[in-house]
C-alpha atoms as a PDB file:
ATOM      1  CA  MET A   1      14.497 -21.379  -2.428  1.00  0.00           C
ATOM      2  CA  GLY A   2      13.939 -25.011  -1.616  1.00  0.00           C
ATOM      3  CA  LEU A   3      11.269 -27.206  -3.242  1.00  0.00           C
ATOM      4  CA  ARG A   4       9.175 -27.142  -0.364  1.00  0.00           C
ATOM      5  CA  GLU A   5       9.371 -23.097   0.056  1.00  0.00           C
ATOM      6  CA  LEU A   6       8.633 -23.069  -3.778  1.00  0.00           C
ATOM      7  CA  LYS A   7       5.769 -25.165  -3.502  1.00  0.00           C
ATOM      8  CA  LYS A   8       4.507 -23.321   0.055  1.00  0.00           C
ATOM      9  CA  GLU A   9       4.918 -19.833  -2.209  1.00  0.00           C
ATOM     10  CA  GLN A  10       3.184 -21.161  -5.236  1.00  0.00           C
ATOM     11  CA  THR A  11      -0.137 -22.277  -3.056  1.00  0.00           C
ATOM     12  CA  ARG A  12      -0.034 -18.970  -1.287  1.00  0.00           C
ATOM     13  CA  GLN A  13      -0.135 -17.180  -4.835  1.00  0.00           C
ATOM     14  CA  LEU A  14      -2.638 -19.843  -5.951  1.00  0.00           C
ATOM     15  CA  ILE A  15      -5.027 -18.750  -3.128  1.00  0.00           C
ATOM     16  CA  ALA A  16      -4.444 -14.949  -3.527  1.00  0.00           C
ATOM     17  CA  ASP A  17      -5.034 -15.277  -7.330  1.00  0.00           C
ATOM     18  CA  ILE A  18      -8.126 -17.125  -6.909  1.00  0.00           C
ATOM     19  CA  ALA A  19      -9.291 -14.666  -4.243  1.00  0.00           C
ATOM     20  CA  TRP A  20      -9.015 -11.497  -6.264  1.00  0.00           C
ATOM     21  CA  ARG A  21     -10.784 -13.044  -9.041  1.00  0.00           C
ATOM     22  CA  LEU A  22     -13.749 -13.937  -6.813  1.00  0.00           C
ATOM     23  CA  PHE A  23     -13.687 -10.455  -5.117  1.00  0.00           C
ATOM     24  CA  ALA A  24     -13.588  -8.571  -8.559  1.00  0.00           C
ATOM     25  CA  ASP A  25     -16.127 -10.903  -9.771  1.00  0.00           C
ATOM     26  CA  ARG A  26     -18.767 -10.251  -6.992  1.00  0.00           C
ATOM     27  CA  GLY A  27     -17.592  -7.843  -4.531  1.00  0.00           C
ATOM     28  CA  PHE A  28     -15.383  -8.472  -0.997  1.00  0.00           C
ATOM     29  CA  ASP A  29     -18.565  -8.810   1.240  1.00  0.00           C
ATOM     30  CA  ASN A  30     -20.068 -11.144  -0.693  1.00  0.00           C
ATOM     31  CA  VAL A  31     -17.183 -13.988  -1.195  1.00  0.00           C
ATOM     32  CA  THR A  32     -16.170 -16.371   1.904  1.00  0.00           C
ATOM     33  CA  VAL A  33     -13.201 -17.710   2.876  1.00  0.00           C
ATOM     34  CA  ALA A  34     -14.695 -21.392   2.492  1.00  0.00           C
ATOM     35  CA  GLU A  35     -15.433 -20.527  -1.252  1.00  0.00           C
ATOM     36  CA  ILE A  36     -12.024 -19.224  -2.017  1.00  0.00           C
ATOM     37  CA  ALA A  37     -10.510 -22.489  -0.219  1.00  0.00           C
ATOM     38  CA  ARG A  38     -12.864 -24.996  -2.325  1.00  0.00           C
ATOM     39  CA  GLU A  39     -11.811 -23.210  -5.506  1.00  0.00           C
ATOM     40  CA  ALA A  40      -8.234 -23.556  -4.581  1.00  0.00           C
ATOM     41  CA  GLN A  41      -8.924 -27.069  -3.962  1.00  0.00           C
ATOM     42  CA  VAL A  42      -7.181 -26.247  -0.449  1.00  0.00           C
ATOM     43  CA  ALA A  43      -8.757 -26.824   3.301  1.00  0.00           C
ATOM     44  CA  GLU A  44     -10.252 -23.818   4.703  1.00  0.00           C
ATOM     45  CA  ALA A  45      -7.341 -24.264   7.272  1.00  0.00           C
ATOM     46  CA  THR A  46      -4.528 -24.133   4.572  1.00  0.00           C
ATOM     47  CA  VAL A  47      -5.858 -20.591   3.816  1.00  0.00           C
ATOM     48  CA  PHE A  48      -5.913 -19.268   7.169  1.00  0.00           C
ATOM     49  CA  ASN A  49      -2.215 -20.820   7.324  1.00  0.00           C
ATOM     50  CA  TYR A  50      -1.234 -18.324   4.639  1.00  0.00           C
ATOM     51  CA  PHE A  51      -3.667 -15.422   5.177  1.00  0.00           C
ATOM     52  CA  ARG A  52      -4.896 -14.369   9.146  1.00  0.00           C
ATOM     53  CA  SER A  53      -8.178 -13.157   7.545  1.00  0.00           C
ATOM     54  CA  LYS A  54      -9.795 -12.617   4.319  1.00  0.00           C
ATOM     55  CA  GLU A  55      -8.815  -8.946   4.383  1.00  0.00           C
ATOM     56  CA  ASP A  56      -5.609 -10.080   4.399  1.00  0.00           C
ATOM     57  CA  LEU A  57      -6.059 -12.003   1.531  1.00  0.00           C
ATOM     58  CA  PHE A  58      -6.945  -8.442  -0.637  1.00  0.00           C
ATOM     59  CA  TYR A  59      -4.385  -6.572   1.271  1.00  0.00           C
ATOM     60  CA  SER A  60      -1.378  -8.563   1.199  1.00  0.00           C
ATOM     61  CA  ARG A  61       0.248  -6.918  -1.683  1.00  0.00           C
ATOM     62  CA  PHE A  62      -0.426  -3.323  -0.040  1.00  0.00           C
ATOM     63  CA  GLU A  63       1.139  -4.730   3.164  1.00  0.00           C
ATOM     64  CA  ALA A  64       4.193  -5.940   1.280  1.00  0.00           C
ATOM     65  CA  PHE A  65       4.428  -2.471  -0.192  1.00  0.00           C
ATOM     66  CA  SER A  66       4.303  -0.834   3.026  1.00  0.00           C
ATOM     67  CA  ALA A  67       7.274  -3.203   4.369  1.00  0.00           C
ATOM     68  CA  ARG A  68       9.427  -2.345   1.233  1.00  0.00           C
ATOM     69  CA  LEU A  69       9.026   1.469   2.173  1.00  0.00           C
ATOM     70  CA  ALA A  70      10.252   1.008   5.862  1.00  0.00           C
ATOM     71  CA  ASP A  71      12.885  -1.557   4.435  1.00  0.00           C
ATOM     72  CA  ALA A  72      14.294   1.374   2.647  1.00  0.00           C
ATOM     73  CA  VAL A  73      14.408   3.647   5.499  1.00  0.00           C
ATOM     74  CA  ARG A  74      15.921   1.178   7.616  1.00  0.00           C
ATOM     75  CA  ASP A  75      18.588  -0.050   5.075  1.00  0.00           C
ATOM     76  CA  ARG A  76      19.427   3.591   3.600  1.00  0.00           C
ATOM     77  CA  ASP A  77      23.058   4.774   4.036  1.00  0.00           C
ATOM     78  CA  ILE A  78      24.834   6.023   6.588  1.00  0.00           C
ATOM     79  CA  GLY A  79      23.773  10.139   6.748  1.00  0.00           C
ATOM     80  CA  GLU A  80      20.587   9.797   4.585  1.00  0.00           C
ATOM     81  CA  PRO A  81      17.847  11.443   5.825  1.00  0.00           C
ATOM     82  CA  ALA A  82      14.679   9.014   6.448  1.00  0.00           C
ATOM     83  CA  LEU A  83      12.317  11.477   4.380  1.00  0.00           C
ATOM     84  CA  ALA A  84      14.658  11.307   1.436  1.00  0.00           C
ATOM     85  CA  ALA A  85      14.950   7.374   1.691  1.00  0.00           C
ATOM     86  CA  PHE A  86      10.764   6.774   1.616  1.00  0.00           C
ATOM     87  CA  ARG A  87      10.929   9.362  -0.962  1.00  0.00           C
ATOM     88  CA  ARG A  88      12.891   7.351  -3.440  1.00  0.00           C
ATOM     89  CA  ALA A  89      11.376   3.992  -2.455  1.00  0.00           C
ATOM     90  CA  LEU A  90       7.870   5.533  -3.154  1.00  0.00           C
ATOM     91  CA  LEU A  91       8.410   7.114  -6.470  1.00  0.00           C
ATOM     92  CA  GLU A  92      10.528   3.948  -7.500  1.00  0.00           C
ATOM     93  CA  GLU A  93       7.385   1.999  -7.432  1.00  0.00           C
ATOM     94  CA  GLY A  94       5.767   1.422 -10.362  1.00  0.00           C
ATOM     95  CA  GLY A  95       2.891  -1.052  -9.804  1.00  0.00           C
ATOM     96  CA  LEU A  96       0.016  -0.941 -11.431  1.00  0.00           C
ATOM     97  CA  LEU A  97       0.150   2.700 -11.769  1.00  0.00           C
ATOM     98  CA  GLY A  98       3.195   2.632 -13.885  1.00  0.00           C
ATOM     99  CA  GLN A  99       2.025  -0.862 -15.810  1.00  0.00           C
ATOM    100  CA  ALA A 100      -1.065   1.002 -17.082  1.00  0.00           C
ATOM    101  CA  GLU A 101       1.109   4.178 -17.774  1.00  0.00           C
ATOM    102  CA  ALA A 102       3.230   1.806 -20.265  1.00  0.00           C
ATOM    103  CA  GLY A 103      -0.387   0.551 -21.879  1.00  0.00           C
ATOM    104  CA  ASP A 104      -1.017  -2.811 -20.016  1.00  0.00           C
ATOM    105  CA  GLU A 105      -4.665  -2.853 -20.846  1.00  0.00           C
ATOM    106  CA  GLU A 106      -5.301  -5.718 -17.823  1.00  0.00           C
ATOM    107  CA  ALA A 107      -3.296  -3.192 -15.567  1.00  0.00           C
ATOM    108  CA  LEU A 108      -5.663  -0.738 -16.182  1.00  0.00           C
ATOM    109  CA  THR A 109      -8.438  -2.787 -15.734  1.00  0.00           C
ATOM    110  CA  ARG A 110      -7.173  -4.286 -12.360  1.00  0.00           C
ATOM    111  CA  LEU A 111      -6.811  -0.692 -11.088  1.00  0.00           C
ATOM    112  CA  ARG A 112     -10.143  -0.120 -11.936  1.00  0.00           C
ATOM    113  CA  THR A 113     -11.691  -2.651 -10.268  1.00  0.00           C
ATOM    114  CA  VAL A 114      -9.266  -2.346  -7.084  1.00  0.00           C
ATOM    115  CA  ASN A 115     -10.834   1.040  -6.779  1.00  0.00           C
ATOM    116  CA  ARG A 116     -14.411  -0.192  -7.221  1.00  0.00           C
ATOM    117  CA  VAL A 117     -13.890  -3.338  -4.846  1.00  0.00           C
ATOM    118  CA  ILE A 118     -12.460  -1.228  -2.208  1.00  0.00           C
ATOM    119  CA  ALA A 119     -15.306   1.658  -2.337  1.00  0.00           C
ATOM    120  CA  GLN A 120     -17.933  -0.798  -2.305  1.00  0.00           C
ATOM    121  CA  SER A 121     -16.803  -2.469   1.010  1.00  0.00           C
ATOM    122  CA  PRO A 122     -16.878  -0.864   4.369  1.00  0.00           C
ATOM    123  CA  ALA A 123     -14.628  -4.157   5.827  1.00  0.00           C
ATOM    124  CA  LEU A 124     -11.926  -3.004   3.486  1.00  0.00           C
ATOM    125  CA  LEU A 125     -12.123   0.604   3.784  1.00  0.00           C
ATOM    126  CA  ALA A 126     -11.669  -0.340   7.419  1.00  0.00           C
ATOM    127  CA  ARG A 127      -8.920  -2.557   7.259  1.00  0.00           C
ATOM    128  CA  GLU A 128      -6.939  -0.137   4.871  1.00  0.00           C
ATOM    129  CA  GLN A 129      -7.171   2.343   7.927  1.00  0.00           C
ATOM    130  CA  GLN A 130      -6.095   0.021  10.118  1.00  0.00           C
ATOM    131  CA  ALA A 131      -2.807  -0.909   7.989  1.00  0.00           C
ATOM    132  CA  MET A 132      -1.857   2.687   7.879  1.00  0.00           C
ATOM    133  CA  THR A 133      -2.095   3.338  11.340  1.00  0.00           C
ATOM    134  CA  ARG A 134       0.177   0.292  11.894  1.00  0.00           C
ATOM    135  CA  SER A 135       2.567   1.142   9.355  1.00  0.00           C
ATOM    136  CA  ALA A 136       3.049   4.679  10.876  1.00  0.00           C
ATOM    137  CA  ARG A 137       3.159   3.308  14.184  1.00  0.00           C
ATOM    138  CA  ASP A 138       5.872   0.881  13.677  1.00  0.00           C
ATOM    139  CA  LEU A 139       7.720   3.210  11.141  1.00  0.00           C
ATOM    140  CA  ALA A 140       7.738   5.587  14.114  1.00  0.00           C
ATOM    141  CA  ALA A 141       9.113   2.734  16.420  1.00  0.00           C
ATOM    142  CA  LEU A 142      11.873   2.418  13.747  1.00  0.00           C
ATOM    143  CA  LEU A 143      12.847   6.104  13.958  1.00  0.00           C
ATOM    144  CA  ALA A 144      12.715   5.800  17.983  1.00  0.00           C
ATOM    145  CA  ALA A 145      15.073   2.865  18.380  1.00  0.00           C
ATOM    146  CA  GLU A 146      17.793   4.489  15.355  1.00  0.00           C
ATOM    147  CA  THR A 147      17.579   8.116  17.404  1.00  0.00           C
ATOM    148  CA  GLY A 148      17.578   6.956  20.946  1.00  0.00           C
ATOM    149  CA  ALA A 149      14.096   8.980  21.391  1.00  0.00           C
ATOM    150  CA  GLY A 150      12.017   8.630  24.594  1.00  0.00           C
ATOM    151  CA  PRO A 151       8.729   8.367  25.402  1.00  0.00           C
ATOM    152  CA  ASP A 152       8.643  11.926  25.784  1.00  0.00           C
ATOM    153  CA  ASP A 153       9.649  12.922  22.596  1.00  0.00           C
ATOM    154  CA  LEU A 154       7.118  12.785  19.743  1.00  0.00           C
ATOM    155  CA  ARG A 155       9.181  13.659  16.291  1.00  0.00           C
ATOM    156  CA  PRO A 156       9.421   9.998  15.670  1.00  0.00           C
ATOM    157  CA  GLN A 157       6.085   9.829  15.597  1.00  0.00           C
ATOM    158  CA  VAL A 158       5.337  13.259  13.582  1.00  0.00           C
ATOM    159  CA  VAL A 159       7.840  12.223  10.903  1.00  0.00           C
ATOM    160  CA  ALA A 160       6.392   8.549  10.680  1.00  0.00           C
ATOM    161  CA  ASN A 161       2.463  10.027  10.501  1.00  0.00           C
ATOM    162  CA  ALA A 162       3.758  12.814   7.918  1.00  0.00           C
ATOM    163  CA  LEU A 163       5.498  10.393   5.306  1.00  0.00           C
ATOM    164  CA  LEU A 164       2.506   7.932   5.561  1.00  0.00           C
ATOM    165  CA  GLY A 165       0.005  10.801   5.399  1.00  0.00           C
ATOM    166  CA  LEU A 166       1.890  11.962   2.114  1.00  0.00           C
ATOM    167  CA  GLN A 167       1.306   7.805   1.003  1.00  0.00           C
ATOM    168  CA  ARG A 168      -2.385   8.261   1.998  1.00  0.00           C
ATOM    169  CA  ALA A 169      -2.961  11.746  -0.030  1.00  0.00           C
ATOM    170  CA  MET A 170      -1.405  10.026  -3.218  1.00  0.00           C
ATOM    171  CA  ILE A 171      -3.695   6.879  -3.010  1.00  0.00           C
ATOM    172  CA  ASP A 172      -6.883   8.858  -2.443  1.00  0.00           C
ATOM    173  CA  TYR A 173      -5.859  11.223  -5.389  1.00  0.00           C
ATOM    174  CA  VAL A 174      -5.193   8.395  -7.648  1.00  0.00           C
ATOM    175  CA  ARG A 175      -8.651   6.694  -6.268  1.00  0.00           C
ATOM    176  CA  GLY A 176     -10.392  10.080  -7.029  1.00  0.00           C
ATOM    177  CA  ARG A 177      -9.026  10.047 -10.672  1.00  0.00           C
ATOM    178  CA  VAL A 178      -9.895   6.638 -11.431  1.00  0.00           C
ATOM    179  CA  GLY A 179     -13.403   6.786  -9.891  1.00  0.00           C
ATOM    180  CA  SER A 180     -14.349   9.545 -11.735  1.00  0.00           C
ATOM    181  CA  GLY A 181     -14.567   7.784 -14.478  1.00  0.00           C
ATOM    182  CA  GLY A 182     -12.723   9.904 -17.018  1.00  0.00           C
ATOM    183  CA  ASP A 183      -9.513   9.621 -18.830  1.00  0.00           C
ATOM    184  CA  LEU A 184      -6.590   8.367 -17.155  1.00  0.00           C
ATOM    185  CA  VAL A 185      -3.833   9.481 -19.605  1.00  0.00           C
ATOM    186  CA  GLY A 186      -1.102  11.244 -17.667  1.00  0.00           C
ATOM    187  CA  LEU A 187      -2.340   9.907 -14.840  1.00  0.00           C
ATOM    188  CA  ALA A 188       1.177   8.517 -13.528  1.00  0.00           C
ATOM    189  CA  ALA A 189       3.196  11.494 -14.614  1.00  0.00           C
ATOM    190  CA  ASP A 190       0.592  13.425 -12.312  1.00  0.00           C
ATOM    191  CA  VAL A 191       1.313  11.685  -9.390  1.00  0.00           C
ATOM    192  CA  ARG A 192       4.885  11.741  -9.525  1.00  0.00           C
ATOM    193  CA  LYS A 193       4.680  15.604 -10.110  1.00  0.00           C
ATOM    194  CA  LEU A 194       2.480  15.849  -7.390  1.00  0.00           C
ATOM    195  CA  THR A 195       4.188  13.719  -4.921  1.00  0.00           C
ATOM    196  CA  ALA A 196       7.463  15.410  -5.554  1.00  0.00           C
ATOM    197  CA  GLU A 197       5.794  18.481  -4.711  1.00  0.00           C
ATOM    198  CA  ALA A 198       4.509  17.405  -1.486  1.00  0.00           C
ATOM    199  CA  PHE A 199       8.165  15.827  -0.586  1.00  0.00           C
ATOM    200  CA  ALA A 200       9.350  19.235  -1.049  1.00  0.00           C
ATOM    201  CA  LEU A 201       7.043  20.634   1.095  1.00  0.00           C
ATOM    202  CA  LEU A 202       7.851  18.607   3.852  1.00  0.00           C
ATOM    203  CA  GLU A 203      11.595  18.750   3.136  1.00  0.00           C
ATOM    204  CA  HIS A 204      11.517  22.458   3.576  1.00  0.00           C
ATOM    205  CA  GLY A 205       9.276  22.787   5.861  1.00  0.00           C
ATOM    206  CA  LEU A 206       5.516  23.948   7.042  1.00  0.00           C
ATOM    207  CA  ALA A 207       6.278  27.159   8.374  1.00  0.00           C
ATOM    208  CA  GLY A 208       5.571  29.428   5.287  1.00  0.00           C
ATOM    209  CA  TYR A 209       2.433  26.959   4.154  1.00  0.00           C
ATOM    210  CA  PRO A 210      -0.142  28.140   3.771  1.00  0.00           C
ATOM    211  CA  ALA A 211       0.308  32.207   4.117  1.00  0.00           C
ATOM    212  CA  ARG A 212      -3.029  33.750   4.709  1.00  0.00           C
ATOM    213  CA  PRO A 213      -4.017  35.928   1.643  1.00  0.00           C
END
C-alpha cells in the first residue's frame, strides 16, 4: 500500500471510529454527519467521499463481512458446494463474539452497545434489512452466473436466501441473548453449535423437518 492509499485508509478509519463513539454515546439518530466531520476535523464532503450515508458509517464493517462471505463462495475450490464454503467462512469469523469469549471486556461492552444502538434506531434496522436483501441478491446473481441458470430457474435465489436467512437467524439469536441482560458465558460456543445444526439441516434437506407430531 502506497503512502497516499495509507493516508486515505487512516482517514477512513478515523471517521468510522469517531462516528462509532458518537453513536454509542448519544444514539444513532441523535448524531449528524456534520458533527462527525467536525470531530474528525474534516469537511462534511470528505465524510461522504468515504461513506455514502450515515447508515454506511455504522454498517461498513457488517457489509465488509458480508462481502467476505460472498468471496468465500466465489473463490471456493473446484467441486466444493457453495453451502460448505459459506459455512466455513461464517464459522471462521470470530468478530466481537470471539473476542468477548476470549475475555476481552472491551469487546463485550462493544457487543452490548452495538445491540442497544441498533435496537433504538428504526433507520438502522431498516438499513440492515436492505443490506441483507442486497447480499442475498448479489449471492444469487453469483450462483446464477456460475451455473448458467436462466431467469426461470429459482434455485440460485432459493440457495442464496437460505444461506443469508441462516446468517440472519444467527444474528437475531445473538442479539436476543445480549439484549436479555443475562450472563453471556458460553454464548460463542452456543452460537457455533446452533449454527452447525442449522447448516446440517440445510445440507440434508428440509423434506423431513418438521414432521407433524
